[in-house]
N, C-alpha and C. Protein backbone atom coordinates (compact mmCIF):
# COMPACT_ATOMS: atom_id res chain seq x y z
N UNK A 1 47.87 -13.88 59.07
CA UNK A 1 46.25 -13.96 59.39
C UNK A 1 46.40 -12.65 58.40
N UNK A 2 44.82 -12.72 57.98
CA UNK A 2 44.49 -11.73 56.81
C UNK A 2 44.26 -10.30 57.62
N UNK A 3 44.61 -9.27 57.16
CA UNK A 3 43.90 -7.78 57.79
C UNK A 3 42.88 -7.77 57.78
N UNK A 4 42.01 -6.86 58.67
CA UNK A 4 40.58 -6.31 58.49
C UNK A 4 40.59 -5.34 57.45
N UNK A 5 39.69 -5.24 57.04
CA UNK A 5 39.54 -4.41 55.51
C UNK A 5 38.57 -3.25 56.22
N UNK A 6 38.98 -1.93 55.26
CA UNK A 6 38.67 -0.66 56.05
C UNK A 6 37.16 -0.40 55.60
N UNK A 7 36.55 0.15 56.12
CA UNK A 7 35.10 0.39 55.60
C UNK A 7 34.88 1.17 54.04
N UNK A 8 36.57 1.74 53.73
CA UNK A 8 36.78 2.24 52.84
C UNK A 8 36.99 1.29 51.26
N UNK A 9 37.78 -0.29 51.92
CA UNK A 9 38.06 -1.19 50.77
C UNK A 9 36.74 -1.76 50.73
N UNK A 10 35.88 -1.95 51.83
CA UNK A 10 35.29 -2.82 51.27
C UNK A 10 33.90 -2.15 50.90
N UNK A 11 33.35 -0.88 50.70
CA UNK A 11 32.92 0.14 49.78
C UNK A 11 33.54 -0.35 48.78
N UNK A 12 34.32 0.00 48.22
CA UNK A 12 35.28 -0.08 46.74
C UNK A 12 34.76 -1.54 46.46
N UNK A 13 35.33 -2.87 47.24
CA UNK A 13 34.96 -3.96 46.85
C UNK A 13 33.36 -4.34 46.19
N UNK A 14 32.51 -3.28 47.26
CA UNK A 14 31.21 -3.62 46.90
C UNK A 14 30.68 -2.95 45.85
N UNK A 15 31.37 -2.00 45.35
CA UNK A 15 31.12 -1.18 43.97
C UNK A 15 31.89 -1.62 42.83
N UNK A 16 33.01 -2.68 43.17
CA UNK A 16 33.25 -3.33 41.76
C UNK A 16 32.72 -4.74 41.72
N UNK A 17 31.93 -5.05 42.88
CA UNK A 17 31.14 -5.82 42.19
C UNK A 17 29.70 -5.63 41.29
N UNK A 18 29.38 -4.72 41.49
CA UNK A 18 28.23 -3.85 41.48
C UNK A 18 28.28 -3.71 39.13
N UNK A 19 29.50 -3.36 39.51
CA UNK A 19 29.99 -3.43 37.66
C UNK A 19 29.65 -4.43 36.93
N UNK A 20 29.15 -4.30 35.99
CA UNK A 20 29.08 -5.20 34.32
C UNK A 20 28.19 -6.35 35.20
N UNK A 21 27.34 -6.56 36.09
CA UNK A 21 26.17 -7.39 36.54
C UNK A 21 24.74 -7.37 36.18
N UNK A 22 25.07 -6.64 35.19
CA UNK A 22 23.79 -6.52 34.14
C UNK A 22 24.31 -6.90 32.51
N UNK A 23 23.18 -7.74 32.13
CA UNK A 23 23.65 -8.72 31.51
C UNK A 23 22.47 -8.75 29.96
N UNK A 24 22.80 -8.68 29.02
CA UNK A 24 21.86 -9.35 28.06
C UNK A 24 22.44 -10.72 27.52
N UNK A 25 21.44 -11.71 26.76
CA UNK A 25 21.77 -12.65 26.56
C UNK A 25 20.79 -13.36 25.37
N UNK A 26 21.40 -13.98 24.82
CA UNK A 26 20.66 -14.94 23.10
C UNK A 26 20.98 -16.48 24.00
N UNK A 27 20.19 -17.01 23.86
CA UNK A 27 19.61 -18.25 23.59
C UNK A 27 19.00 -18.60 22.67
N UNK A 28 19.06 -20.36 22.43
CA UNK A 28 19.04 -20.77 21.39
C UNK A 28 17.86 -22.16 21.68
N UNK A 29 16.54 -21.90 21.25
CA UNK A 29 15.81 -23.12 21.82
C UNK A 29 15.55 -24.15 21.36
N UNK A 30 15.70 -25.59 21.55
CA UNK A 30 15.47 -26.41 20.59
C UNK A 30 14.58 -27.03 19.50
N UNK A 31 13.92 -25.62 19.28
CA UNK A 31 13.43 -25.19 17.95
C UNK A 31 13.91 -24.57 16.34
N UNK A 32 14.57 -24.26 17.37
CA UNK A 32 16.16 -23.21 16.75
C UNK A 32 16.07 -21.94 16.47
N UNK A 33 14.54 -21.59 17.28
CA UNK A 33 14.38 -19.95 17.42
C UNK A 33 14.92 -19.38 18.84
N UNK A 34 15.67 -17.89 18.38
CA UNK A 34 16.36 -17.51 18.83
C UNK A 34 15.72 -16.20 20.14
N UNK A 35 15.70 -16.10 21.56
CA UNK A 35 15.28 -15.40 22.30
C UNK A 35 16.45 -14.57 22.82
N UNK A 36 16.01 -13.08 23.30
CA UNK A 36 16.67 -12.38 23.60
C UNK A 36 16.80 -11.94 25.06
N UNK A 37 17.40 -11.49 26.19
CA UNK A 37 16.44 -11.68 27.28
C UNK A 37 17.74 -10.40 28.00
N UNK A 38 17.15 -10.29 29.52
CA UNK A 38 17.92 -9.06 30.31
C UNK A 38 18.23 -10.01 31.73
N UNK A 39 18.85 -9.91 32.31
CA UNK A 39 18.82 -10.91 33.50
C UNK A 39 20.41 -9.69 34.38
N UNK A 40 20.81 -10.43 35.19
CA UNK A 40 22.28 -9.92 36.59
C UNK A 40 22.79 -11.13 36.83
N UNK A 41 21.78 -12.16 36.41
CA UNK A 41 22.75 -13.71 36.81
C UNK A 41 22.35 -14.88 35.66
N UNK A 42 23.31 -14.79 34.60
CA UNK A 42 22.79 -15.46 33.20
C UNK A 42 22.72 -17.19 33.43
N UNK A 43 23.26 -17.42 34.29
CA UNK A 43 23.49 -19.03 34.40
C UNK A 43 22.42 -19.12 35.37
N UNK A 44 21.49 -18.47 36.44
CA UNK A 44 20.50 -18.62 37.29
C UNK A 44 19.31 -18.70 35.89
N UNK A 45 19.77 -17.76 34.95
CA UNK A 45 18.00 -17.86 34.38
C UNK A 45 18.01 -18.68 32.86
N UNK A 46 19.16 -19.19 32.77
CA UNK A 46 19.18 -20.19 31.81
C UNK A 46 18.30 -21.17 32.56
N UNK A 47 19.29 -22.01 33.95
CA UNK A 47 18.32 -22.62 34.11
C UNK A 47 16.91 -22.27 34.78
N UNK A 48 16.14 -21.22 34.75
CA UNK A 48 14.52 -20.85 34.84
C UNK A 48 14.46 -21.18 33.22
N UNK A 49 14.69 -20.84 32.35
CA UNK A 49 14.34 -21.17 30.79
C UNK A 49 14.14 -22.79 31.06
N UNK A 50 15.46 -22.95 31.23
CA UNK A 50 15.31 -25.11 30.88
C UNK A 50 14.19 -25.72 31.85
N UNK A 51 14.02 -25.33 33.13
CA UNK A 51 12.88 -25.62 33.88
C UNK A 51 11.55 -24.90 33.88
N UNK A 52 11.34 -24.27 32.67
CA UNK A 52 9.89 -24.01 32.77
C UNK A 52 9.66 -22.90 33.37
N UNK A 53 10.66 -21.67 34.10
CA UNK A 53 10.15 -21.07 35.14
C UNK A 53 10.74 -19.02 34.21
N UNK A 54 10.84 -19.41 32.55
CA UNK A 54 11.41 -18.35 32.35
C UNK A 54 10.65 -17.48 31.44
N UNK A 55 11.03 -16.84 30.65
CA UNK A 55 9.79 -17.05 29.97
C UNK A 55 8.70 -17.58 28.91
N UNK A 56 7.30 -16.94 29.37
CA UNK A 56 6.18 -17.56 28.02
C UNK A 56 6.96 -18.49 26.86
N UNK A 57 7.67 -17.47 26.10
CA UNK A 57 7.97 -17.66 25.27
C UNK A 57 9.17 -18.79 24.85
N UNK A 58 9.89 -19.01 25.40
CA UNK A 58 10.56 -19.96 25.94
C UNK A 58 9.76 -21.72 26.46
N UNK A 59 8.90 -21.40 27.25
CA UNK A 59 7.99 -22.33 28.10
C UNK A 59 7.56 -23.46 26.42
N UNK A 60 8.21 -24.85 26.99
CA UNK A 60 7.74 -25.99 25.64
C UNK A 60 8.77 -25.82 24.45
N UNK A 61 9.93 -24.75 24.85
CA UNK A 61 10.40 -24.81 23.27
C UNK A 61 12.38 -25.30 24.18
N UNK A 62 12.03 -25.69 25.38
CA UNK A 62 13.38 -26.14 26.23
C UNK A 62 13.99 -27.52 25.43
N UNK A 63 14.82 -28.03 25.76
CA UNK A 63 15.89 -27.31 26.23
C UNK A 63 16.93 -25.63 25.49
N UNK A 64 17.13 -25.26 26.18
CA UNK A 64 17.87 -24.10 25.51
C UNK A 64 19.14 -23.86 25.74
N UNK A 65 20.06 -23.48 25.01
CA UNK A 65 21.43 -23.00 25.04
C UNK A 65 21.91 -21.67 25.32
N UNK A 66 22.82 -21.81 26.20
CA UNK A 66 23.20 -20.00 25.50
C UNK A 66 23.97 -19.91 24.36
N UNK A 67 23.81 -18.88 23.85
CA UNK A 67 24.64 -18.64 22.25
C UNK A 67 25.60 -17.62 22.50
N UNK A 68 24.98 -16.57 23.27
CA UNK A 68 25.74 -15.53 23.11
C UNK A 68 25.53 -14.57 24.26
N UNK A 69 26.47 -13.27 25.18
CA UNK A 69 25.79 -12.77 26.41
C UNK A 69 26.85 -11.68 26.11
N UNK A 70 26.51 -10.24 26.87
CA UNK A 70 27.24 -8.90 26.50
C UNK A 70 26.97 -8.39 28.25
N UNK A 71 28.40 -7.71 28.75
CA UNK A 71 28.29 -7.43 30.16
C UNK A 71 27.81 -6.00 30.43
N UNK A 72 27.06 -5.56 31.06
CA UNK A 72 26.84 -4.14 31.32
C UNK A 72 27.03 -3.18 32.51
N UNK A 73 27.33 -2.13 32.89
CA UNK A 73 27.50 -1.29 33.89
C UNK A 73 25.87 -0.63 34.56
N UNK A 74 25.62 -0.76 33.78
CA UNK A 74 23.40 -0.72 34.47
C UNK A 74 22.65 -1.09 33.78
N UNK A 75 21.82 -1.37 34.19
CA UNK A 75 20.63 -1.85 33.94
C UNK A 75 20.39 -1.26 32.61
N UNK A 76 20.03 -0.04 32.66
CA UNK A 76 19.72 0.75 31.42
C UNK A 76 20.71 0.55 30.17
N UNK A 77 22.06 0.93 30.34
CA UNK A 77 22.79 0.29 29.01
C UNK A 77 22.54 -0.99 28.47
N UNK A 78 22.11 -2.66 29.32
CA UNK A 78 21.93 -3.48 29.39
C UNK A 78 20.54 -3.72 28.34
N UNK A 79 19.15 -3.07 29.26
CA UNK A 79 18.41 -3.42 27.94
C UNK A 79 18.30 -2.06 26.68
N UNK A 80 19.30 -0.93 27.01
CA UNK A 80 18.69 -0.66 25.28
C UNK A 80 19.38 -1.44 24.42
N UNK A 81 20.53 -2.09 24.34
CA UNK A 81 21.46 -2.92 23.90
C UNK A 81 20.10 -4.01 23.57
N UNK A 82 19.89 -4.80 24.01
CA UNK A 82 18.23 -5.53 24.33
C UNK A 82 17.74 -5.59 23.39
N UNK A 83 17.37 -4.13 23.37
CA UNK A 83 16.49 -3.40 22.84
C UNK A 83 16.62 -3.61 21.10
N UNK A 84 17.41 -2.91 21.50
CA UNK A 84 18.59 -3.37 19.91
C UNK A 84 18.90 -4.30 18.71
N UNK A 85 19.34 -5.25 20.05
CA UNK A 85 19.28 -6.66 19.61
C UNK A 85 17.98 -7.19 19.10
N UNK A 86 16.82 -7.30 19.82
CA UNK A 86 15.52 -7.28 19.56
C UNK A 86 15.02 -7.19 18.31
N UNK A 87 15.61 -5.49 18.04
CA UNK A 87 15.08 -5.31 16.95
C UNK A 87 15.40 -5.60 15.46
N UNK A 88 17.05 -6.41 15.78
CA UNK A 88 17.73 -7.32 14.39
C UNK A 88 17.21 -8.18 13.76
N UNK A 89 17.43 -8.12 12.20
CA UNK A 89 16.76 -9.52 11.56
C UNK A 89 17.47 -10.83 12.67
N UNK A 90 16.99 -11.62 12.19
CA UNK A 90 17.53 -12.82 12.39
C UNK A 90 18.86 -13.19 12.26
N UNK A 91 19.32 -12.62 10.60
CA UNK A 91 20.87 -13.05 9.87
C UNK A 91 21.59 -12.16 10.82
N UNK A 92 21.51 -11.00 11.43
CA UNK A 92 22.33 -9.93 12.01
C UNK A 92 22.44 -10.47 13.59
N UNK A 93 21.17 -11.16 14.16
CA UNK A 93 21.33 -12.12 15.55
C UNK A 93 22.39 -12.83 15.53
N UNK A 94 22.26 -13.78 13.84
CA UNK A 94 22.96 -14.90 14.09
C UNK A 94 24.20 -14.57 13.79
N UNK A 95 25.15 -13.60 13.59
CA UNK A 95 26.83 -12.98 13.67
C UNK A 95 26.82 -12.54 14.93
N UNK A 96 26.27 -12.57 15.92
CA UNK A 96 26.44 -12.28 17.49
C UNK A 96 26.77 -13.85 17.87
N UNK A 97 25.99 -14.94 17.92
CA UNK A 97 26.68 -15.91 18.50
C UNK A 97 27.80 -16.88 18.24
N UNK A 98 27.95 -17.00 19.47
CA UNK A 98 29.15 -18.03 20.17
C UNK A 98 29.05 -18.77 19.26
């Protein structure tokens, strides 16, 4: 039988789950264009883009395909990276693609 976890262990588990749960992602639209975004759940966000519930830019450009993602410990760090990527020319974005 499993031992009950202490409050301290539960807090540690919660902290570990919070680490690196901020992501930036690059998706490729059906027209070949690239879109970069931020999310806390990449799989859900790609599904939203594909169902027409994502960003206005990707509506009508589906289906989209996930091409790149990076994980960060904070929203701030992820959004700074998102901004950096959005400033890159397409050729440099393509170097990041999986």
